[in-house]
Amino acid sequence: MVGHLPALLHPDPKSVLGIGFGAGVSAGTFTRYPGIQKITICEIEPVIPPASTEFFGAQDYRVALNPKTHIVFDDARHYLLTTTDKFDIIASDPLDVFVKGTAALYFEGIFSNRSSSI
């Protein structure tokens, strides 16, 4: 639902930012929408995308191997504050605020229209 709802509600999405790779299922849903031309996934841990593809490739539509996908290995907050890229959709699974580093993602600028990334 993290992927499908914004893709269905946006009138013409072309670019997506997924915060965190996880199993890749949320990001993988965007591969089902032909109008989406670029899927950027910000993941802090480089071992996650290949491991997820190995174990969940059928479920995540092998999003890490999709030519539309670009994986950025960076802290998501840092990436959002420094990138010049613009995104029609920014999607993130709920993050546990008690896990080190995740609370920094919960600031007003990330998911508002005032953000320079939207």
PDB file of N, CA and C in Angstrom:
ATOM      1  N   MET A   1       0.812  -1.204   0.000  1.00  0.00           N
ATOM      2  CA  MET A   1       0.000   0.000   0.000  1.00  0.00           C
ATOM      3  C   MET A   1       0.854   1.267   0.000  1.00  0.00           C
ATOM      4  N   VAL A   2       2.050   1.194   0.568  1.00  0.00           N
ATOM      5  CA  VAL A   2       2.934   2.366   0.608  1.00  0.00           C
ATOM      6  C   VAL A   2       3.273   2.819  -0.806  1.00  0.00           C
ATOM      7  N   GLY A   3       3.347   1.893  -1.735  1.00  0.00           N
ATOM      8  CA  GLY A   3       3.632   2.245  -3.114  1.00  0.00           C
ATOM      9  C   GLY A   3       2.379   2.496  -3.937  1.00  0.00           C
ATOM     10  N   HIS A   4       1.399   1.626  -3.791  1.00  0.00           N
ATOM     11  CA  HIS A   4       0.213   1.727  -4.639  1.00  0.00           C
ATOM     12  C   HIS A   4      -0.612   2.989  -4.397  1.00  0.00           C
ATOM     13  N   LEU A   5      -0.840   3.353  -3.143  1.00  0.00           N
ATOM     14  CA  LEU A   5      -1.692   4.520  -2.874  1.00  0.00           C
ATOM     15  C   LEU A   5      -1.168   5.806  -3.511  1.00  0.00           C
ATOM     16  N   PRO A   6       0.083   6.191  -3.292  1.00  0.00           N
ATOM     17  CA  PRO A   6       0.534   7.430  -3.931  1.00  0.00           C
ATOM     18  C   PRO A   6       0.594   7.315  -5.454  1.00  0.00           C
ATOM     19  N   ALA A   7       0.921   6.139  -5.966  1.00  0.00           N
ATOM     20  CA  ALA A   7       0.983   5.977  -7.426  1.00  0.00           C
ATOM     21  C   ALA A   7      -0.404   6.096  -8.054  1.00  0.00           C
ATOM     22  N   LEU A   8      -1.404   5.640  -7.354  1.00  0.00           N
ATOM     23  CA  LEU A   8      -2.769   5.739  -7.868  1.00  0.00           C
ATOM     24  C   LEU A   8      -3.374   7.122  -7.673  1.00  0.00           C
ATOM     25  N   LEU A   9      -2.991   7.805  -6.592  1.00  0.00           N
ATOM     26  CA  LEU A   9      -3.566   9.110  -6.293  1.00  0.00           C
ATOM     27  C   LEU A   9      -2.903  10.265  -7.042  1.00  0.00           C
ATOM     28  N   HIS A  10      -1.637  10.122  -7.377  1.00  0.00           N
ATOM     29  CA  HIS A  10      -0.940  11.183  -8.115  1.00  0.00           C
ATOM     30  C   HIS A  10      -1.438  11.179  -9.562  1.00  0.00           C
ATOM     31  N   PRO A  11      -1.735  12.329 -10.136  1.00  0.00           N
ATOM     32  CA  PRO A  11      -2.287  12.352 -11.494  1.00  0.00           C
ATOM     33  C   PRO A  11      -1.305  11.885 -12.585  1.00  0.00           C
ATOM     34  N   ASP A  12      -0.022  12.082 -12.396  1.00  0.00           N
ATOM     35  CA  ASP A  12       0.937  11.693 -13.435  1.00  0.00           C
ATOM     36  C   ASP A  12       2.350  11.553 -12.849  1.00  0.00           C
ATOM     37  N   PRO A  13       2.560  10.540 -12.016  1.00  0.00           N
ATOM     38  CA  PRO A  13       3.879  10.427 -11.388  1.00  0.00           C
ATOM     39  C   PRO A  13       4.948   9.956 -12.373  1.00  0.00           C
ATOM     40  N   LYS A  14       6.103  10.606 -12.335  1.00  0.00           N
ATOM     41  CA  LYS A  14       7.232  10.248 -13.193  1.00  0.00           C
ATOM     42  C   LYS A  14       8.436   9.779 -12.376  1.00  0.00           C
ATOM     43  N   SER A  15       8.612  10.376 -11.183  1.00  0.00           N
ATOM     44  CA  SER A  15       9.785  10.051 -10.377  1.00  0.00           C
ATOM     45  C   SER A  15       9.382   9.775  -8.931  1.00  0.00           C
ATOM     46  N   VAL A  16      10.074   8.800  -8.350  1.00  0.00           N
ATOM     47  CA  VAL A  16       9.751   8.337  -7.007  1.00  0.00           C
ATOM     48  C   VAL A  16      11.026   8.260  -6.184  1.00  0.00           C
ATOM     49  N   LEU A  17      10.915   8.625  -4.915  1.00  0.00           N
ATOM     50  CA  LEU A  17      11.983   8.363  -3.954  1.00  0.00           C
ATOM     51  C   LEU A  17      11.426   7.430  -2.896  1.00  0.00           C
ATOM     52  N   GLY A  18      12.089   6.304  -2.719  1.00  0.00           N
ATOM     53  CA  GLY A  18      11.760   5.386  -1.639  1.00  0.00           C
ATOM     54  C   GLY A  18      12.797   5.535  -0.544  1.00  0.00           C
ATOM     55  N   ILE A  19      12.356   5.736   0.672  1.00  0.00           N
ATOM     56  CA  ILE A  19      13.275   5.874   1.793  1.00  0.00           C
ATOM     57  C   ILE A  19      13.416   4.504   2.445  1.00  0.00           C
ATOM     58  N   GLY A  20      14.602   3.934   2.323  1.00  0.00           N
ATOM     59  CA  GLY A  20      14.882   2.603   2.849  1.00  0.00           C
ATOM     60  C   GLY A  20      14.474   1.531   1.860  1.00  0.00           C
ATOM     61  N   PHE A  21      15.306   0.516   1.722  1.00  0.00           N
ATOM     62  CA  PHE A  21      15.020  -0.572   0.785  1.00  0.00           C
ATOM     63  C   PHE A  21      14.211  -1.680   1.442  1.00  0.00           C
ATOM     64  N   GLY A  22      14.604  -2.082   2.651  1.00  0.00           N
ATOM     65  CA  GLY A  22      13.912  -3.183   3.330  1.00  0.00           C
ATOM     66  C   GLY A  22      13.891  -4.418   2.452  1.00  0.00           C
ATOM     67  N   ALA A  23      12.735  -5.028   2.312  1.00  0.00           N
ATOM     68  CA  ALA A  23      12.586  -6.185   1.431  1.00  0.00           C
ATOM     69  C   ALA A  23      12.377  -5.768  -0.018  1.00  0.00           C
ATOM     70  N   GLY A  24      12.214  -4.474  -0.262  1.00  0.00           N
ATOM     71  CA  GLY A  24      12.051  -3.967  -1.620  1.00  0.00           C
ATOM     72  C   GLY A  24      10.634  -4.005  -2.146  1.00  0.00           C
ATOM     73  N   VAL A  25       9.715  -4.510  -1.351  1.00  0.00           N
ATOM     74  CA  VAL A  25       8.339  -4.692  -1.831  1.00  0.00           C
ATOM     75  C   VAL A  25       7.650  -3.359  -2.094  1.00  0.00           C
ATOM     76  N   SER A  26       7.802  -2.394  -1.190  1.00  0.00           N
ATOM     77  CA  SER A  26       7.169  -1.082  -1.412  1.00  0.00           C
ATOM     78  C   SER A  26       7.729  -0.424  -2.667  1.00  0.00           C
ATOM     79  N   ALA A  27       9.048  -0.397  -2.801  1.00  0.00           N
ATOM     80  CA  ALA A  27       9.663   0.197  -3.997  1.00  0.00           C
ATOM     81  C   ALA A  27       9.294  -0.591  -5.245  1.00  0.00           C
ATOM     82  N   GLY A  28       9.213  -1.895  -5.115  1.00  0.00           N
ATOM     83  CA  GLY A  28       8.888  -2.741  -6.256  1.00  0.00           C
ATOM     84  C   GLY A  28       7.515  -2.478  -6.833  1.00  0.00           C
ATOM     85  N   THR A  29       6.575  -2.025  -5.998  1.00  0.00           N
ATOM     86  CA  THR A  29       5.236  -1.750  -6.526  1.00  0.00           C
ATOM     87  C   THR A  29       5.268  -0.654  -7.584  1.00  0.00           C
ATOM     88  N   PHE A  30       6.226   0.266  -7.479  1.00  0.00           N
ATOM     89  CA  PHE A  30       6.299   1.347  -8.467  1.00  0.00           C
ATOM     90  C   PHE A  30       6.693   0.843  -9.854  1.00  0.00           C
ATOM     91  N   THR A  31       7.301  -0.330  -9.935  1.00  0.00           N
ATOM     92  CA  THR A  31       7.661  -0.887 -11.249  1.00  0.00           C
ATOM     93  C   THR A  31       6.424  -1.307 -12.029  1.00  0.00           C
ATOM     94  N   ARG A  32       5.305  -1.419 -11.374  1.00  0.00           N
ATOM     95  CA  ARG A  32       4.063  -1.835 -12.027  1.00  0.00           C
ATOM     96  C   ARG A  32       3.378  -0.683 -12.748  1.00  0.00           C
ATOM     97  N   TYR A  33       3.883   0.534 -12.585  1.00  0.00           N
ATOM     98  CA  TYR A  33       3.259   1.720 -13.178  1.00  0.00           C
ATOM     99  C   TYR A  33       4.136   2.218 -14.318  1.00  0.00           C
ATOM    100  N   PRO A  34       3.712   2.011 -15.566  1.00  0.00           N
ATOM    101  CA  PRO A  34       4.556   2.338 -16.717  1.00  0.00           C
ATOM    102  C   PRO A  34       4.923   3.814 -16.836  1.00  0.00           C
ATOM    103  N   GLY A  35       4.121   4.707 -16.278  1.00  0.00           N
ATOM    104  CA  GLY A  35       4.423   6.134 -16.361  1.00  0.00           C
ATOM    105  C   GLY A  35       5.590   6.565 -15.483  1.00  0.00           C
ATOM    106  N   ILE A  36       5.905   5.774 -14.479  1.00  0.00           N
ATOM    107  CA  ILE A  36       7.019   6.102 -13.593  1.00  0.00           C
ATOM    108  C   ILE A  36       8.327   5.786 -14.313  1.00  0.00           C
ATOM    109  N   GLN A  37       9.126   6.822 -14.511  1.00  0.00           N
ATOM    110  CA  GLN A  37      10.350   6.703 -15.292  1.00  0.00           C
ATOM    111  C   GLN A  37      11.602   6.510 -14.450  1.00  0.00           C
ATOM    112  N   LYS A  38      11.559   6.961 -13.186  1.00  0.00           N
ATOM    113  CA  LYS A  38      12.751   6.870 -12.338  1.00  0.00           C
ATOM    114  C   LYS A  38      12.341   6.528 -10.911  1.00  0.00           C
ATOM    115  N   ILE A  39      12.976   5.474 -10.380  1.00  0.00           N
ATOM    116  CA  ILE A  39      12.759   5.061  -9.000  1.00  0.00           C
ATOM    117  C   ILE A  39      14.101   5.187  -8.291  1.00  0.00           C
ATOM    118  N   THR A  40      14.182   6.127  -7.370  1.00  0.00           N
ATOM    119  CA  THR A  40      15.392   6.299  -6.571  1.00  0.00           C
ATOM    120  C   THR A  40      15.101   5.729  -5.191  1.00  0.00           C
ATOM    121  N   ILE A  41      16.007   4.897  -4.714  1.00  0.00           N
ATOM    122  CA  ILE A  41      15.849   4.322  -3.388  1.00  0.00           C
ATOM    123  C   ILE A  41      17.056   4.735  -2.562  1.00  0.00           C
ATOM    124  N   CYS A  42      16.803   5.352  -1.439  1.00  0.00           N
ATOM    125  CA  CYS A  42      17.865   5.778  -0.535  1.00  0.00           C
ATOM    126  C   CYS A  42      17.978   4.737   0.574  1.00  0.00           C
ATOM    127  N   GLU A  43      19.116   4.069   0.623  1.00  0.00           N
ATOM    128  CA  GLU A  43      19.365   3.006   1.599  1.00  0.00           C
ATOM    129  C   GLU A  43      20.725   3.234   2.233  1.00  0.00           C
ATOM    130  N   ILE A  44      20.797   3.155   3.526  1.00  0.00           N
ATOM    131  CA  ILE A  44      22.052   3.434   4.222  1.00  0.00           C
ATOM    132  C   ILE A  44      22.991   2.218   4.249  1.00  0.00           C
ATOM    133  N   GLU A  45      22.459   1.009   4.102  1.00  0.00           N
ATOM    134  CA  GLU A  45      23.257  -0.209   4.235  1.00  0.00           C
ATOM    135  C   GLU A  45      23.381  -0.929   2.888  1.00  0.00           C
ATOM    136  N   PRO A  46      24.584  -0.956   2.302  1.00  0.00           N
ATOM    137  CA  PRO A  46      24.765  -1.549   0.971  1.00  0.00           C
ATOM    138  C   PRO A  46      24.439  -3.041   0.855  1.00  0.00           C
ATOM    139  N   VAL A  47      24.450  -3.779   1.935  1.00  0.00           N
ATOM    140  CA  VAL A  47      24.183  -5.216   1.853  1.00  0.00           C
ATOM    141  C   VAL A  47      22.684  -5.516   1.665  1.00  0.00           C
ATOM    142  N   ILE A  48      21.827  -4.572   1.979  1.00  0.00           N
ATOM    143  CA  ILE A  48      20.384  -4.824   1.957  1.00  0.00           C
ATOM    144  C   ILE A  48      19.822  -5.090   0.554  1.00  0.00           C
ATOM    145  N   PRO A  49      20.044  -4.246  -0.454  1.00  0.00           N
ATOM    146  CA  PRO A  49      19.428  -4.528  -1.761  1.00  0.00           C
ATOM    147  C   PRO A  49      19.784  -5.888  -2.362  1.00  0.00           C
ATOM    148  N   PRO A  50      21.064  -6.303  -2.392  1.00  0.00           N
ATOM    149  CA  PRO A  50      21.325  -7.627  -2.973  1.00  0.00           C
ATOM    150  C   PRO A  50      20.747  -8.773  -2.144  1.00  0.00           C
ATOM    151  N   ALA A  51      20.774  -8.639  -0.824  1.00  0.00           N
ATOM    152  CA  ALA A  51      20.199  -9.691   0.016  1.00  0.00           C
ATOM    153  C   ALA A  51      18.687  -9.769  -0.180  1.00  0.00           C
ATOM    154  N   SER A  52      18.043  -8.616  -0.246  1.00  0.00           N
ATOM    155  CA  SER A  52      16.599  -8.598  -0.463  1.00  0.00           C
ATOM    156  C   SER A  52      16.230  -9.172  -1.821  1.00  0.00           C
ATOM    157  N   THR A  53      17.019  -8.864  -2.828  1.00  0.00           N
ATOM    158  CA  THR A  53      16.752  -9.404  -4.161  1.00  0.00           C
ATOM    159  C   THR A  53      16.889 -10.920  -4.153  1.00  0.00           C
ATOM    160  N   GLU A  54      17.875 -11.419  -3.433  1.00  0.00           N
ATOM    161  CA  GLU A  54      18.072 -12.868  -3.354  1.00  0.00           C
ATOM    162  C   GLU A  54      16.889 -13.560  -2.693  1.00  0.00           C
ATOM    163  N   PHE A  55      16.402 -13.004  -1.599  1.00  0.00           N
ATOM    164  CA  PHE A  55      15.368 -13.676  -0.825  1.00  0.00           C
ATOM    165  C   PHE A  55      13.940 -13.241  -1.150  1.00  0.00           C
ATOM    166  N   PHE A  56      13.770 -12.023  -1.666  1.00  0.00           N
ATOM    167  CA  PHE A  56      12.423 -11.504  -1.928  1.00  0.00           C
ATOM    168  C   PHE A  56      12.246 -11.009  -3.360  1.00  0.00           C
ATOM    169  N   GLY A  57      13.098 -11.436  -4.274  1.00  0.00           N
ATOM    170  CA  GLY A  57      13.044 -10.963  -5.651  1.00  0.00           C
ATOM    171  C   GLY A  57      11.695 -11.146  -6.322  1.00  0.00           C
ATOM    172  N   ALA A  58      11.049 -12.264  -6.081  1.00  0.00           N
ATOM    173  CA  ALA A  58       9.731 -12.497  -6.689  1.00  0.00           C
ATOM    174  C   ALA A  58       8.698 -11.526  -6.139  1.00  0.00           C
ATOM    175  N   GLN A  59       8.816 -11.198  -4.860  1.00  0.00           N
ATOM    176  CA  GLN A  59       7.844 -10.299  -4.226  1.00  0.00           C
ATOM    177  C   GLN A  59       8.117  -8.831  -4.531  1.00  0.00           C
ATOM    178  N   ASP A  60       9.385  -8.460  -4.746  1.00  0.00           N
ATOM    179  CA  ASP A  60       9.696  -7.047  -4.987  1.00  0.00           C
ATOM    180  C   ASP A  60       9.935  -6.737  -6.471  1.00  0.00           C
ATOM    181  N   TYR A  61       9.556  -7.674  -7.336  1.00  0.00           N
ATOM    182  CA  TYR A  61       9.683  -7.499  -8.786  1.00  0.00           C
ATOM    183  C   TYR A  61      11.127  -7.183  -9.196  1.00  0.00           C
ATOM    184  N   ARG A  62      12.066  -7.657  -8.398  1.00  0.00           N
ATOM    185  CA  ARG A  62      13.505  -7.446  -8.657  1.00  0.00           C
ATOM    186  C   ARG A  62      13.809  -5.969  -8.936  1.00  0.00           C
ATOM    187  N   VAL A  63      13.234  -5.123  -8.093  1.00  0.00           N
ATOM    188  CA  VAL A  63      13.347  -3.675  -8.265  1.00  0.00           C
ATOM    189  C   VAL A  63      14.796  -3.208  -8.289  1.00  0.00           C
ATOM    190  N   ALA A  64      15.670  -3.842  -7.537  1.00  0.00           N
ATOM    191  CA  ALA A  64      17.078  -3.416  -7.517  1.00  0.00           C
ATOM    192  C   ALA A  64      17.750  -3.611  -8.866  1.00  0.00           C
ATOM    193  N   LEU A  65      17.242  -4.521  -9.671  1.00  0.00           N
ATOM    194  CA  LEU A  65      17.826  -4.802 -10.988  1.00  0.00           C
ATOM    195  C   LEU A  65      17.102  -4.098 -12.126  1.00  0.00           C
ATOM    196  N   ASN A  66      16.046  -3.384 -11.810  1.00  0.00           N
ATOM    197  CA  ASN A  66      15.254  -2.694 -12.826  1.00  0.00           C
ATOM    198  C   ASN A  66      16.044  -1.504 -13.378  1.00  0.00           C
ATOM    199  N   PRO A  67      16.093  -1.334 -14.699  1.00  0.00           N
ATOM    200  CA  PRO A  67      16.850  -0.206 -15.263  1.00  0.00           C
ATOM    201  C   PRO A  67      16.337   1.174 -14.854  1.00  0.00           C
ATOM    202  N   LYS A  68      15.107   1.271 -14.381  1.00  0.00           N
ATOM    203  CA  LYS A  68      14.576   2.550 -13.905  1.00  0.00           C
ATOM    204  C   LYS A  68      15.080   2.893 -12.503  1.00  0.00           C
ATOM    205  N   THR A  69      15.633   1.907 -11.815  1.00  0.00           N
ATOM    206  CA  THR A  69      16.000   2.064 -10.404  1.00  0.00           C
ATOM    207  C   THR A  69      17.417   2.570 -10.238  1.00  0.00           C
ATOM    208  N   HIS A  70      17.544   3.542  -9.354  1.00  0.00           N
ATOM    209  CA  HIS A  70      18.846   4.077  -8.957  1.00  0.00           C
ATOM    210  C   HIS A  70      18.893   4.002  -7.434  1.00  0.00           C
ATOM    211  N   ILE A  71      19.893   3.304  -6.908  1.00  0.00           N
ATOM    212  CA  ILE A  71      20.020   3.175  -5.457  1.00  0.00           C
ATOM    213  C   ILE A  71      21.114   4.113  -4.975  1.00  0.00           C
ATOM    214  N   VAL A  72      20.761   4.935  -4.002  1.00  0.00           N
ATOM    215  CA  VAL A  72      21.685   5.880  -3.395  1.00  0.00           C
ATOM    216  C   VAL A  72      22.008   5.352  -2.001  1.00  0.00           C
ATOM    217  N   PHE A  73      23.285   5.142  -1.726  1.00  0.00           N
ATOM    218  CA  PHE A  73      23.682   4.681  -0.394  1.00  0.00           C
ATOM    219  C   PHE A  73      24.062   5.897   0.443  1.00  0.00           C
ATOM    220  N   ASP A  74      23.084   6.343   1.221  1.00  0.00           N
ATOM    221  CA  ASP A  74      23.246   7.549   2.025  1.00  0.00           C
ATOM    222  C   ASP A  74      22.160   7.549   3.096  1.00  0.00           C
ATOM    223  N   ASP A  75      22.359   8.359   4.100  1.00  0.00           N
ATOM    224  CA  ASP A  75      21.329   8.631   5.079  1.00  0.00           C
ATOM    225  C   ASP A  75      20.224   9.415   4.363  1.00  0.00           C
ATOM    226  N   ALA A  76      18.983   8.985   4.507  1.00  0.00           N
ATOM    227  CA  ALA A  76      17.888   9.595   3.749  1.00  0.00           C
ATOM    228  C   ALA A  76      17.703  11.083   4.050  1.00  0.00           C
ATOM    229  N   ARG A  77      17.840  11.451   5.305  1.00  0.00           N
ATOM    230  CA  ARG A  77      17.684  12.878   5.644  1.00  0.00           C
ATOM    231  C   ARG A  77      18.773  13.703   4.965  1.00  0.00           C
ATOM    232  N   HIS A  78      20.006  13.225   5.025  1.00  0.00           N
ATOM    233  CA  HIS A  78      21.112  13.931   4.368  1.00  0.00           C
ATOM    234  C   HIS A  78      20.869  14.019   2.868  1.00  0.00           C
ATOM    235  N   TYR A  79      20.446  12.915   2.274  1.00  0.00           N
ATOM    236  CA  TYR A  79      20.188  12.912   0.830  1.00  0.00           C
ATOM    237  C   TYR A  79      19.112  13.928   0.459  1.00  0.00           C
ATOM    238  N   LEU A  80      18.020  13.940   1.207  1.00  0.00           N
ATOM    239  CA  LEU A  80      16.936  14.878   0.899  1.00  0.00           C
ATOM    240  C   LEU A  80      17.352  16.332   1.070  1.00  0.00           C
ATOM    241  N   LEU A  81      18.202  16.579   2.029  1.00  0.00           N
ATOM    242  CA  LEU A  81      18.643  17.956   2.263  1.00  0.00           C
ATOM    243  C   LEU A  81      19.694  18.422   1.265  1.00  0.00           C
ATOM    244  N   THR A  82      20.347  17.494   0.557  1.00  0.00           N
ATOM    245  CA  THR A  82      21.438  17.883  -0.344  1.00  0.00           C
ATOM    246  C   THR A  82      21.171  17.626  -1.824  1.00  0.00           C
ATOM    247  N   THR A  83      20.187  16.821  -2.154  1.00  0.00           N
ATOM    248  CA  THR A  83      19.953  16.505  -3.562  1.00  0.00           C
ATOM    249  C   THR A  83      19.257  17.658  -4.285  1.00  0.00           C
ATOM    250  N   THR A  84      19.531  17.767  -5.558  1.00  0.00           N
ATOM    251  CA  THR A  84      18.809  18.723  -6.402  1.00  0.00           C
ATOM    252  C   THR A  84      17.694  18.019  -7.174  1.00  0.00           C
ATOM    253  N   ASP A  85      17.622  16.695  -7.050  1.00  0.00           N
ATOM    254  CA  ASP A  85      16.571  15.932  -7.725  1.00  0.00           C
ATOM    255  C   ASP A  85      15.210  16.286  -7.137  1.00  0.00           C
ATOM    256  N   LYS A  86      14.202  16.214  -7.978  1.00  0.00           N
ATOM    257  CA  LYS A  86      12.821  16.447  -7.567  1.00  0.00           C
ATOM    258  C   LYS A  86      12.061  15.136  -7.722  1.00  0.00           C
ATOM    259  N   PHE A  87      11.090  14.907  -6.857  1.00  0.00           N
ATOM    260  CA  PHE A  87      10.319  13.667  -6.886  1.00  0.00           C
ATOM    261  C   PHE A  87       8.833  13.972  -6.841  1.00  0.00           C
ATOM    262  N   ASP A  88       8.080  13.246  -7.641  1.00  0.00           N
ATOM    263  CA  ASP A  88       6.628  13.379  -7.596  1.00  0.00           C
ATOM    264  C   ASP A  88       6.060  12.669  -6.367  1.00  0.00           C
ATOM    265  N   ILE A  89       6.727  11.591  -5.966  1.00  0.00           N
ATOM    266  CA  ILE A  89       6.298  10.808  -4.808  1.00  0.00           C
ATOM    267  C   ILE A  89       7.514  10.540  -3.927  1.00  0.00           C
ATOM    268  N   ILE A  90       7.356  10.751  -2.636  1.00  0.00           N
ATOM    269  CA  ILE A  90       8.348  10.312  -1.656  1.00  0.00           C
ATOM    270  C   ILE A  90       7.624   9.341  -0.736  1.00  0.00           C
ATOM    271  N   ALA A  91       8.093   8.100  -0.705  1.00  0.00           N
ATOM    272  CA  ALA A  91       7.413   7.061   0.063  1.00  0.00           C
ATOM    273  C   ALA A  91       8.354   6.443   1.080  1.00  0.00           C
ATOM    274  N   SER A  92       7.809   6.163   2.237  1.00  0.00           N
ATOM    275  CA  SER A  92       8.586   5.527   3.292  1.00  0.00           C
ATOM    276  C   SER A  92       7.667   4.651   4.118  1.00  0.00           C
ATOM    277  N   ASP A  93       8.120   3.441   4.391  1.00  0.00           N
ATOM    278  CA  ASP A  93       7.410   2.616   5.358  1.00  0.00           C
ATOM    279  C   ASP A  93       7.569   3.275   6.721  1.00  0.00           C
ATOM    280  N   PRO A  94       6.636   3.057   7.625  1.00  0.00           N
ATOM    281  CA  PRO A  94       6.798   3.637   8.964  1.00  0.00           C
ATOM    282  C   PRO A  94       8.105   3.162   9.598  1.00  0.00           C
ATOM    283  N   LEU A  95       8.838   4.099  10.177  1.00  0.00           N
ATOM    284  CA  LEU A  95      10.116   3.795  10.804  1.00  0.00           C
ATOM    285  C   LEU A  95       9.971   3.872  12.315  1.00  0.00           C
ATOM    286  N   ASP A  96      10.640   2.975  13.002  1.00  0.00           N
ATOM    287  CA  ASP A  96      10.617   2.983  14.465  1.00  0.00           C
ATOM    288  C   ASP A  96      11.505   4.110  14.965  1.00  0.00           C
ATOM    289  N   VAL A  97      10.926   5.075  15.666  1.00  0.00           N
ATOM    290  CA  VAL A  97      11.685   6.238  16.117  1.00  0.00           C
ATOM    291  C   VAL A  97      12.710   5.900  17.184  1.00  0.00           C
ATOM    292  N   PHE A  98      12.598   4.738  17.806  1.00  0.00           N
ATOM    293  CA  PHE A  98      13.570   4.368  18.832  1.00  0.00           C
ATOM    294  C   PHE A  98      14.838   3.744  18.251  1.00  0.00           C
ATOM    295  N   VAL A  99      14.853   3.463  16.950  1.00  0.00           N
ATOM    296  CA  VAL A  99      16.048   2.932  16.303  1.00  0.00           C
ATOM    297  C   VAL A  99      16.957   4.106  15.946  1.00  0.00           C
ATOM    298  N   LYS A 100      18.214   3.992  16.290  1.00  0.00           N
ATOM    299  CA  LYS A 100      19.174   5.087  16.103  1.00  0.00           C
ATOM    300  C   LYS A 100      19.126   5.639  14.674  1.00  0.00           C
ATOM    301  N   GLY A 101      18.979   6.949  14.574  1.00  0.00           N
ATOM    302  CA  GLY A 101      19.014   7.641  13.293  1.00  0.00           C
ATOM    303  C   GLY A 101      17.666   7.838  12.623  1.00  0.00           C
ATOM    304  N   THR A 102      16.661   7.040  12.958  1.00  0.00           N
ATOM    305  CA  THR A 102      15.392   7.152  12.242  1.00  0.00           C
ATOM    306  C   THR A 102      14.569   8.366  12.668  1.00  0.00           C
ATOM    307  N   ALA A 103      14.706   8.796  13.908  1.00  0.00           N
ATOM    308  CA  ALA A 103      13.928   9.945  14.373  1.00  0.00           C
ATOM    309  C   ALA A 103      14.248  11.207  13.577  1.00  0.00           C
ATOM    310  N   ALA A 104      15.464  11.298  13.043  1.00  0.00           N
ATOM    311  CA  ALA A 104      15.857  12.479  12.265  1.00  0.00           C
ATOM    312  C   ALA A 104      15.050  12.620  10.977  1.00  0.00           C
ATOM    313  N   LEU A 105      14.433  11.532  10.521  1.00  0.00           N
ATOM    314  CA  LEU A 105      13.621  11.608   9.307  1.00  0.00           C
ATOM    315  C   LEU A 105      12.278  12.282   9.545  1.00  0.00           C
ATOM    316  N   TYR A 106      11.882  12.374  10.793  1.00  0.00           N
ATOM    317  CA  TYR A 106      10.591  12.962  11.106  1.00  0.00           C
ATOM    318  C   TYR A 106      10.724  14.458  11.358  1.00  0.00           C
ATOM    319  N   PHE A 107      10.893  15.193  10.274  1.00  0.00           N
ATOM    320  CA  PHE A 107      10.859  16.646  10.393  1.00  0.00           C
ATOM    321  C   PHE A 107       9.949  17.166   9.295  1.00  0.00           C
ATOM    322  N   GLU A 108       9.357  18.302   9.534  1.00  0.00           N
ATOM    323  CA  GLU A 108       8.288  18.826   8.678  1.00  0.00           C
ATOM    324  C   GLU A 108       8.678  18.931   7.208  1.00  0.00           C
ATOM    325  N   GLY A 109       9.909  19.300   6.916  1.00  0.00           N
ATOM    326  CA  GLY A 109      10.305  19.548   5.540  1.00  0.00           C
ATOM    327  C   GLY A 109      10.335  18.341   4.625  1.00  0.00           C
ATOM    328  N   ILE A 110      10.480  17.144   5.162  1.00  0.00           N
ATOM    329  CA  ILE A 110      10.628  15.972   4.296  1.00  0.00           C
ATOM    330  C   ILE A 110       9.368  15.678   3.489  1.00  0.00           C
ATOM    331  N   PHE A 111       8.213  15.704   4.121  1.00  0.00           N
ATOM    332  CA  PHE A 111       7.002  15.276   3.432  1.00  0.00           C
ATOM    333  C   PHE A 111       6.032  16.410   3.123  1.00  0.00           C
ATOM    334  N   SER A 112       6.506  17.628   3.138  1.00  0.00           N
ATOM    335  CA  SER A 112       5.622  18.750   2.830  1.00  0.00           C
ATOM    336  C   SER A 112       5.911  19.290   1.442  1.00  0.00           C
ATOM    337  N   ASN A 113       4.982  20.004   0.876  1.00  0.00           N
ATOM    338  CA  ASN A 113       5.186  20.619  -0.424  1.00  0.00           C
ATOM    339  C   ASN A 113       6.212  21.727  -0.386  1.00  0.00           C
ATOM    340  N   ARG A 114       6.544  22.185   0.819  1.00  0.00           N
ATOM    341  CA  ARG A 114       7.576  23.214   0.950  1.00  0.00           C
ATOM    342  C   ARG A 114       8.965  22.612   0.759  1.00  0.00           C
ATOM    343  N   SER A 115       9.056  21.289   0.801  1.00  0.00           N
ATOM    344  CA  SER A 115      10.367  20.649   0.638  1.00  0.00           C
ATOM    345  C   SER A 115      10.887  20.900  -0.766  1.00  0.00           C
ATOM    346  N   SER A 116      12.180  21.120  -0.870  1.00  0.00           N
ATOM    347  CA  SER A 116      12.763  21.362  -2.181  1.00  0.00           C
ATOM    348  C   SER A 116      12.808  20.109  -3.027  1.00  0.00           C
ATOM    349  N   SER A 117      12.543  18.946  -2.446  1.00  0.00           N
ATOM    350  CA  SER A 117      12.603  17.698  -3.206  1.00  0.00           C
ATOM    351  C   SER A 117      11.286  17.335  -3.861  1.00  0.00           C
ATOM    352  N   ILE A 118      10.186  18.007  -3.476  1.00  0.00           N
ATOM    353  CA  ILE A 118       8.888  17.658  -4.047  1.00  0.00           C
ATOM    354  C   ILE A 118       8.529  18.652  -5.128  1.00  0.00           C
TER     355      ILE A 118
END
